[in-house]
Amino acid sequence: MKFVSTEQLKTGMRIARPIYNKKGVLLYERDSKLTDAAINSIKNFGLIGIFILEPAEPCPPMSDEDIEFERFQTVQVYAIEEELREIVNSKRTRKIDQIVAAIVKNYGHLSHKINFTQNLRSKEDFVYKHSLNVAILSTLMCHRMNVSVEDFNDCITACIVHDLGKIMIPESLLKGEDEESLERIYETSQTTGFDFIETVFSSNPNIRRICQQTQRTLQELKYGEVNDKIKLVTGARVMIVAEVYDSMTAMSAVGDPRSEVVALRHLYEHPEVFHPKAVEALVESINFLAPGTSVELTSGEKALVISVNSYDILHPMVLVFNTNEIIDLSDRNMYDDLEIADIMKTMDNRYIMDEDTLKKYGISK
C-alpha cells in the first residue's frame, strides 16, 4: 500500500481503502480500479491523494468494525467542520451535543480494543480530523477510566473545540511561512480560540479549563518546564494523552508519522505529564503490536509479533526472521537488553515487478 497524490493518480490503479461522501455513502469500494470519472470525483472532493494497492499486492483484510470506523470518521469530520465554522461565525453552537453523543454512542461503551487507523491530513482539514481523533481516543479512555458522565461529556466537547483558534487564522498569515513560524502562529491563535470557547460555553467553564490546562501542560513539556504540582482536571489528563498520541502518529503530506511504538514509549517516559492511568486506559483501548505486526528489534533483527503481552505491551513474544527462533521479550532475565525498537514501515520484503521492470531486464511475456 502506498500514498499517491491526486495529481499522480492513473486509471487502473486499485483503491486500498474505501471512499465515502460526507453523508457516509460508500462511493468507491476497496480493490476497485480507478476510472477517469473516479479520479475527477476525488479531485472534486478536495482530497490531496488516496492510498493505492501495489500492482501485485492483495487487498488487506478489514473487519466490519474497521470499515465502519473509516465511514464514521468521514461523516464526523464534515460535521465538526460545519460546527466549528458555525461557532466562529455566530458564537453559538448548533450540533455539538449531537456530535458528542454520536462519538460516545459508538466508542464510549466498548468492551474490546479497536484498530485505531489514521487518515491522511491536508492543511485544509487537519484541524477537524485531529479534533475528531482526539475525541474518539478520549472517549475510549474515559470509558476505561469510569469517568463520570458530566466529566465525560465535558472532555469530549473540549476535544472537539480545543483547536478552534487555528481555523480563525487569516490565510494570508500562513502563506510562505516555514514550519517553525507556523507553529508559533498556531500557538498564539489558541488564546483567541479559548476566548471564543469561554463565550460560547459561558455556562460551563470546565470546557475552557480543560483546553487551557492541556495546552499549558504540553507547552511546558516542549520547553522542559513541567510543573507537576498543578492539579489537572480529569478531562485535561485524558486529553493530554490523546492529543499527543494522535499528533505523533498522524499522517500528513509532509513528513513521516511516528509509529505507535515510538508514541507509546514517549508517553511512558514522561509520567509527570502523561498520567499513568490515562496511558494505561489508552493501551487497554486500542490494538498495539497485534499478532502479525512486523517489527525491528534493538539488535537490528527483524521479527514478527506472534503473541501480545497484556502486562507489558512493548515486550511481546516474537518470531525472529533470520533465525526462525521464538523469543519471549517479557523474560527480562534472558533478554534484558533486547526489545522492540520500532514497527517496520513495510510489511514484508517482497519484490513487485511490473511490465516496465521486466522489459528493462530483457524479460518479455
Protein backbone atom coordinates (compact mmCIF):
# COMPACT_ATOMS: atom_id res chain seq x y z
CA MET A 1 0.00 0.00 0.00
CA LYS A 2 1.30 3.45 -0.85
CA PHE A 3 0.06 7.00 -0.87
CA VAL A 4 -0.41 8.58 -4.31
CA SER A 5 -1.17 12.30 -4.68
CA THR A 6 -4.26 13.28 -6.66
CA GLU A 7 -2.11 14.64 -9.48
CA GLN A 8 -0.38 11.26 -9.87
CA LEU A 9 -3.49 9.08 -9.95
CA LYS A 10 -3.97 6.96 -13.08
CA THR A 11 -6.80 4.87 -14.41
CA GLY A 12 -6.48 1.21 -13.45
CA MET A 13 -4.91 1.86 -10.04
CA ARG A 14 -6.60 -0.13 -7.26
CA ILE A 15 -8.06 1.67 -4.26
CA ALA A 16 -6.68 0.44 -0.91
CA ARG A 17 -9.23 2.00 1.43
CA PRO A 18 -12.94 2.78 0.94
CA ILE A 19 -14.00 6.29 -0.04
CA TYR A 20 -17.20 7.84 1.35
CA ASN A 21 -19.05 11.10 0.83
CA LYS A 22 -19.84 13.40 3.75
CA LYS A 23 -23.12 11.59 4.42
CA GLY A 24 -21.33 8.28 4.81
CA VAL A 25 -22.45 6.83 1.49
CA LEU A 26 -19.85 4.46 0.02
CA LEU A 27 -18.59 5.84 -3.28
CA TYR A 28 -15.71 3.52 -4.11
CA GLU A 29 -15.05 0.05 -2.70
CA ARG A 30 -11.62 -1.24 -1.71
CA ASP A 31 -9.80 -3.05 -4.51
CA SER A 32 -11.89 -1.29 -7.18
CA LYS A 33 -10.00 0.21 -10.11
CA LEU A 34 -9.83 3.92 -10.73
CA THR A 35 -11.63 5.32 -13.75
CA ASP A 36 -11.40 8.79 -15.25
CA ALA A 37 -14.72 9.62 -13.57
CA ALA A 38 -13.45 8.39 -10.20
CA ILE A 39 -10.26 10.46 -10.47
CA ASN A 40 -12.30 13.57 -11.30
CA SER A 41 -14.55 12.88 -8.30
CA ILE A 42 -11.54 12.56 -5.99
CA LYS A 43 -10.24 15.90 -7.25
CA ASN A 44 -13.65 17.49 -6.69
CA PHE A 45 -13.73 16.16 -3.12
CA GLY A 46 -10.59 18.17 -2.45
CA LEU A 47 -8.59 15.08 -1.45
CA ILE A 48 -4.83 15.56 -1.75
CA GLY A 49 -4.47 11.88 -2.59
CA ILE A 50 -5.52 8.36 -1.64
CA PHE A 51 -3.93 5.05 -0.71
CA ILE A 52 -3.33 2.70 -3.63
CA LEU A 53 -2.51 -1.02 -3.67
CA GLU A 54 0.76 -2.07 -5.29
CA PRO A 55 0.37 -4.00 -8.58
CA ALA A 56 0.93 -7.43 -7.01
CA GLU A 57 -0.46 -6.61 -3.56
CA PRO A 58 -3.56 -8.44 -2.31
CA CYS A 59 -6.26 -6.31 -0.71
CA PRO A 60 -5.57 -6.39 3.04
CA PRO A 61 -8.40 -7.66 5.24
CA MET A 62 -10.63 -5.21 7.06
CA SER A 63 -13.27 -6.18 9.59
CA ASP A 64 -16.75 -4.70 9.53
CA GLU A 65 -15.71 -2.63 12.56
CA ASP A 66 -12.64 -1.28 10.71
CA ILE A 67 -14.79 -0.30 7.71
CA GLU A 68 -17.35 1.38 9.95
CA PHE A 69 -14.53 3.28 11.68
CA GLU A 70 -13.49 4.77 8.32
CA ARG A 71 -17.08 5.68 7.45
CA PHE A 72 -17.69 7.22 10.86
CA GLN A 73 -14.54 9.34 10.60
CA THR A 74 -15.59 10.74 7.23
CA VAL A 75 -19.08 11.70 8.40
CA GLN A 76 -17.98 13.27 11.68
CA VAL A 77 -15.09 15.24 10.16
CA TYR A 78 -17.57 17.07 7.94
CA ALA A 79 -19.92 17.57 10.91
CA ILE A 80 -17.12 19.01 13.05
CA GLU A 81 -16.01 21.35 10.28
CA GLU A 82 -19.53 22.74 9.92
CA GLU A 83 -19.93 23.12 13.68
CA LEU A 84 -16.60 24.88 14.29
CA ARG A 85 -17.28 27.31 11.46
CA GLU A 86 -20.72 27.96 12.92
CA ILE A 87 -19.14 28.79 16.28
CA VAL A 88 -16.67 31.19 14.64
CA ASN A 89 -19.38 32.92 12.60
CA SER A 90 -22.16 33.13 15.19
CA LYS A 91 -20.51 32.49 18.59
CA ARG A 92 -23.04 29.76 19.32
CA THR A 93 -23.30 26.03 18.87
CA ARG A 94 -25.82 24.08 16.82
CA LYS A 95 -24.95 20.40 16.72
CA ILE A 96 -22.07 19.85 19.09
CA ASP A 97 -24.24 17.91 21.54
CA GLN A 98 -25.26 15.54 18.71
CA ILE A 99 -21.63 15.11 17.64
CA VAL A 100 -20.54 14.30 21.20
CA ALA A 101 -23.46 11.88 21.58
CA ALA A 102 -22.58 10.08 18.33
CA ILE A 103 -18.94 9.62 19.37
CA VAL A 104 -19.87 8.39 22.83
CA LYS A 105 -22.53 6.06 21.43
CA ASN A 106 -20.02 4.44 19.05
CA TYR A 107 -16.90 4.34 21.23
CA GLY A 108 -17.91 5.02 24.81
CA HIS A 109 -19.17 1.57 25.74
CA LEU A 110 -16.82 -0.92 24.08
CA SER A 111 -15.52 -3.92 25.99
CA HIS A 112 -12.81 -4.73 23.43
CA LYS A 113 -9.89 -2.98 21.76
CA ILE A 114 -10.23 -1.36 18.35
CA ASN A 115 -7.86 -0.85 15.44
CA PHE A 116 -7.19 2.88 15.50
CA THR A 117 -6.21 3.77 11.93
CA GLN A 118 -5.08 7.19 10.80
CA ASN A 119 -6.31 9.07 7.74
CA LEU A 120 -4.14 11.37 5.69
CA ARG A 121 -4.46 15.07 6.55
CA SER A 122 -4.07 18.19 4.48
CA LYS A 123 -3.63 21.78 5.68
CA GLU A 124 -7.32 22.34 4.93
CA ASP A 125 -8.71 19.56 7.11
CA PHE A 126 -6.06 18.71 9.72
CA VAL A 127 -7.84 20.62 12.50
CA TYR A 128 -11.10 18.72 12.03
CA LYS A 129 -9.51 15.29 11.66
CA HIS A 130 -7.25 15.89 14.65
CA SER A 131 -10.15 17.13 16.79
CA LEU A 132 -12.23 14.06 15.92
CA ASN A 133 -9.42 11.60 16.61
CA VAL A 134 -8.60 13.23 19.95
CA ALA A 135 -12.30 12.99 20.82
CA ILE A 136 -12.51 9.30 19.84
CA LEU A 137 -9.36 8.39 21.78
CA SER A 138 -10.56 10.35 24.81
CA THR A 139 -13.93 8.62 24.63
CA LEU A 140 -12.28 5.20 24.69
CA MET A 141 -10.07 6.25 27.61
CA CYS A 142 -12.85 7.89 29.65
CA HIS A 143 -14.86 4.69 29.40
CA ARG A 144 -11.96 2.57 30.63
CA MET A 145 -11.33 5.01 33.49
CA ASN A 146 -15.01 5.08 34.55
CA VAL A 147 -15.13 8.87 34.28
CA SER A 148 -18.39 10.43 35.49
CA VAL A 149 -20.98 11.32 32.84
CA GLU A 150 -20.54 15.06 33.37
CA ASP A 151 -16.74 15.00 33.15
CA PHE A 152 -17.01 12.56 30.22
CA ASN A 153 -19.15 14.94 28.14
CA ASP A 154 -17.06 17.97 29.10
CA CYS A 155 -13.88 16.20 27.99
CA ILE A 156 -15.24 15.17 24.58
CA THR A 157 -16.71 18.62 23.96
CA ALA A 158 -13.35 20.19 24.81
CA CYS A 159 -11.59 17.79 22.43
CA ILE A 160 -13.79 18.93 19.55
CA VAL A 161 -13.35 22.68 20.11
CA HIS A 162 -9.82 22.90 21.54
CA ASP A 163 -8.21 23.94 18.23
CA LEU A 164 -10.88 26.49 17.36
CA GLY A 165 -8.34 29.31 17.20
CA LYS A 166 -6.45 27.62 14.36
CA ILE A 167 -9.32 27.94 11.90
CA MET A 168 -9.63 31.65 12.75
CA ILE A 169 -6.18 32.49 11.41
CA PRO A 170 -6.31 34.54 8.19
CA GLU A 171 -4.93 32.53 5.27
CA SER A 172 -2.60 35.43 4.41
CA LEU A 173 -0.70 34.90 7.69
CA LEU A 174 0.08 31.30 6.82
CA LYS A 175 1.35 31.70 3.28
CA GLY A 176 5.09 31.35 2.80
CA GLU A 177 5.81 30.64 6.47
CA ASP A 178 8.20 27.86 7.49
CA GLU A 179 7.16 25.11 9.89
CA GLU A 180 8.64 26.82 12.95
CA SER A 181 6.88 30.10 12.21
CA LEU A 182 3.60 28.30 11.58
CA GLU A 183 3.89 26.58 14.94
CA ARG A 184 4.29 29.95 16.70
CA ILE A 185 1.26 31.33 14.85
CA TYR A 186 -0.82 28.33 15.83
CA GLU A 187 0.23 28.60 19.48
CA THR A 188 -0.73 32.28 19.58
CA SER A 189 -4.08 31.55 17.94
CA GLN A 190 -5.07 29.28 20.80
CA THR A 191 -5.63 32.29 23.09
CA THR A 192 -8.16 33.75 20.67
CA GLY A 193 -9.84 30.38 20.38
CA PHE A 194 -10.08 29.99 24.16
CA ASP A 195 -11.79 33.40 24.40
CA PHE A 196 -14.39 32.17 21.92
CA ILE A 197 -14.79 28.95 23.88
CA GLU A 198 -15.34 30.93 27.10
CA THR A 199 -18.07 32.99 25.40
CA VAL A 200 -19.82 30.07 23.74
CA PHE A 201 -19.67 27.82 26.81
CA SER A 202 -20.13 30.53 29.43
CA SER A 203 -22.41 28.26 31.43
CA ASN A 204 -19.73 25.56 31.61
CA PRO A 205 -16.27 27.00 32.39
CA ASN A 206 -14.85 23.46 32.60
CA ILE A 207 -14.66 23.31 28.78
CA ARG A 208 -12.18 26.17 28.61
CA ARG A 209 -10.35 24.89 31.69
CA ILE A 210 -9.70 21.51 30.04
CA CYS A 211 -8.43 23.18 26.86
CA GLN A 212 -6.17 25.63 28.67
CA GLN A 213 -4.68 23.08 31.05
CA THR A 214 -3.94 20.78 28.14
CA GLN A 215 -2.23 23.47 26.09
CA ARG A 216 -0.24 24.83 29.04
CA THR A 217 0.99 21.40 30.06
CA LEU A 218 2.11 20.49 26.55
CA GLN A 219 3.90 23.82 26.15
CA GLU A 220 5.68 23.22 29.46
CA LEU A 221 6.75 19.78 28.22
CA LYS A 222 8.04 21.30 25.00
CA TYR A 223 10.22 23.82 26.84
CA GLY A 224 11.21 21.48 29.69
CA GLU A 225 9.37 23.44 32.38
CA VAL A 226 6.71 21.00 33.56
CA ASN A 227 5.08 21.90 36.88
CA ASP A 228 3.71 18.58 38.12
CA LYS A 229 2.34 20.18 41.29
CA ILE A 230 -0.61 21.75 39.42
CA LYS A 231 -3.74 19.63 39.83
CA LEU A 232 -5.25 18.89 36.43
CA VAL A 233 -8.94 18.20 35.94
CA THR A 234 -9.82 14.72 34.69
CA GLY A 235 -10.66 15.89 31.18
CA ALA A 236 -7.24 17.52 30.78
CA ARG A 237 -5.41 14.40 31.98
CA VAL A 238 -7.21 12.35 29.36
CA MET A 239 -6.98 14.89 26.55
CA ILE A 240 -3.23 15.44 27.01
CA VAL A 241 -2.56 11.77 26.27
CA ALA A 242 -4.96 11.67 23.32
CA GLU A 243 -3.63 14.94 21.90
CA VAL A 244 0.00 13.81 21.85
CA TYR A 245 -0.65 10.27 20.68
CA ASP A 246 -2.73 11.45 17.72
CA SER A 247 -0.29 14.23 16.79
CA MET A 248 2.67 11.86 16.80
CA THR A 249 1.04 9.10 14.75
CA ALA A 250 -0.94 11.29 12.31
CA MET A 251 -0.22 11.06 8.59
CA SER A 252 0.24 14.19 6.52
CA ALA A 253 1.57 15.11 3.11
CA VAL A 254 4.77 16.43 4.74
CA GLY A 255 6.97 14.29 6.94
CA ASP A 256 6.53 10.74 8.16
CA PRO A 257 4.38 9.91 11.18
CA ARG A 258 5.89 8.30 14.26
CA SER A 259 4.93 4.69 14.86
CA GLU A 260 2.59 3.59 17.61
CA VAL A 261 5.58 2.09 19.44
CA VAL A 262 7.53 5.35 19.41
CA ALA A 263 4.47 7.32 20.52
CA LEU A 264 3.67 4.91 23.34
CA ARG A 265 7.27 4.86 24.56
CA HIS A 266 7.17 8.69 24.67
CA LEU A 267 4.04 8.58 26.84
CA TYR A 268 5.64 6.07 29.21
CA GLU A 269 8.82 8.13 29.53
CA HIS A 270 7.03 11.24 30.87
CA PRO A 271 4.70 10.15 33.69
CA GLU A 272 4.91 13.66 35.14
CA VAL A 273 2.96 14.86 32.08
CA PHE A 274 1.02 11.84 30.85
CA HIS A 275 -1.00 10.45 33.73
CA PRO A 276 -0.22 6.70 34.06
CA LYS A 277 -3.90 5.78 34.44
CA ALA A 278 -4.75 7.63 31.24
CA VAL A 279 -1.90 5.98 29.35
CA GLU A 280 -2.97 2.59 30.63
CA ALA A 281 -6.54 3.33 29.51
CA LEU A 282 -5.19 4.08 26.03
CA VAL A 283 -3.30 0.77 25.96
CA GLU A 284 -6.48 -1.04 27.04
CA SER A 285 -8.50 0.67 24.30
CA ILE A 286 -6.60 0.20 21.04
CA ASN A 287 -4.55 -2.57 19.49
CA PHE A 288 -0.80 -2.17 19.86
CA LEU A 289 1.58 -4.72 18.34
CA ALA A 290 -1.15 -7.16 17.34
CA PRO A 291 -0.07 -10.63 16.16
CA GLY A 292 1.24 -10.36 12.62
CA THR A 293 2.91 -6.97 13.15
CA SER A 294 6.40 -6.78 11.64
CA VAL A 295 8.91 -5.15 13.99
CA GLU A 296 12.58 -4.29 14.27
CA LEU A 297 14.44 -5.21 17.45
CA THR A 298 17.13 -3.13 19.15
CA SER A 299 19.62 -5.72 17.87
CA GLY A 300 18.72 -4.73 14.31
CA GLU A 301 16.98 -8.05 13.65
CA LYS A 302 13.52 -8.19 12.06
CA ALA A 303 10.77 -10.16 13.74
CA LEU A 304 7.06 -10.92 13.71
CA VAL A 305 4.81 -10.46 16.75
CA ILE A 306 3.10 -13.79 17.46
CA SER A 307 1.60 -13.14 20.91
CA VAL A 308 0.59 -9.95 22.71
CA ASN A 309 1.89 -9.27 26.21
CA SER A 310 -1.08 -7.70 28.02
CA TYR A 311 1.01 -6.77 31.07
CA ASP A 312 3.96 -5.24 29.22
CA ILE A 313 2.74 -4.21 25.80
CA LEU A 314 6.18 -3.34 24.40
CA HIS A 315 7.65 -6.78 25.20
CA PRO A 316 5.56 -9.39 23.34
CA MET A 317 6.54 -12.82 22.05
CA VAL A 318 8.13 -12.62 18.60
CA LEU A 319 9.46 -14.84 15.85
CA VAL A 320 12.88 -13.69 14.63
CA PHE A 321 13.05 -13.94 10.84
CA ASN A 322 16.70 -14.79 10.22
CA THR A 323 16.98 -17.48 12.94
CA ASN A 324 13.38 -18.73 12.95
CA GLU A 325 13.62 -18.51 16.76
CA ILE A 326 10.71 -17.67 19.05
CA ILE A 327 11.67 -15.15 21.72
CA ASP A 328 9.59 -14.04 24.71
CA LEU A 329 10.73 -10.45 25.26
CA SER A 330 8.90 -10.35 28.59
CA ASP A 331 11.60 -12.65 30.01
CA ARG A 332 13.86 -9.81 31.17
CA ASN A 333 16.32 -12.21 32.82
CA MET A 334 17.04 -13.74 29.43
CA TYR A 335 16.54 -10.71 27.16
CA ASP A 336 17.21 -7.71 29.36
CA ASP A 337 18.89 -5.67 26.61
CA LEU A 338 16.58 -6.74 23.79
CA GLU A 339 13.31 -5.00 22.99
CA ILE A 340 11.28 -3.67 20.10
CA ALA A 341 12.87 -0.62 18.54
CA ASP A 342 10.09 0.22 16.09
CA ILE A 343 7.44 -1.11 13.76
CA MET A 344 8.66 -1.90 10.25
CA LYS A 345 7.33 0.51 7.64
CA THR A 346 6.95 -2.28 5.09
CA MET A 347 5.01 -5.40 5.91
CA ASP A 348 7.29 -7.77 4.02
CA ASN A 349 10.31 -7.95 1.73
CA ARG A 350 8.56 -8.97 -1.47
CA TYR A 351 9.68 -7.55 -4.78
CA ILE A 352 6.98 -6.15 -7.02
CA MET A 353 7.66 -6.46 -10.73
CA ASP A 354 5.68 -4.54 -13.32
CA GLU A 355 5.92 -4.76 -17.11
CA ASP A 356 8.37 -1.87 -17.40
CA THR A 357 10.74 -3.54 -14.92
CA LEU A 358 10.56 -6.85 -16.79
CA LYS A 359 11.30 -5.14 -20.12
CA LYS A 360 14.20 -3.24 -18.56
CA TYR A 361 15.93 -6.53 -17.80
CA GLY A 362 15.12 -8.04 -21.19
CA ILE A 363 12.31 -10.30 -20.00
CA SER A 364 9.18 -10.47 -22.11
CA LYS A 365 5.87 -12.18 -21.53
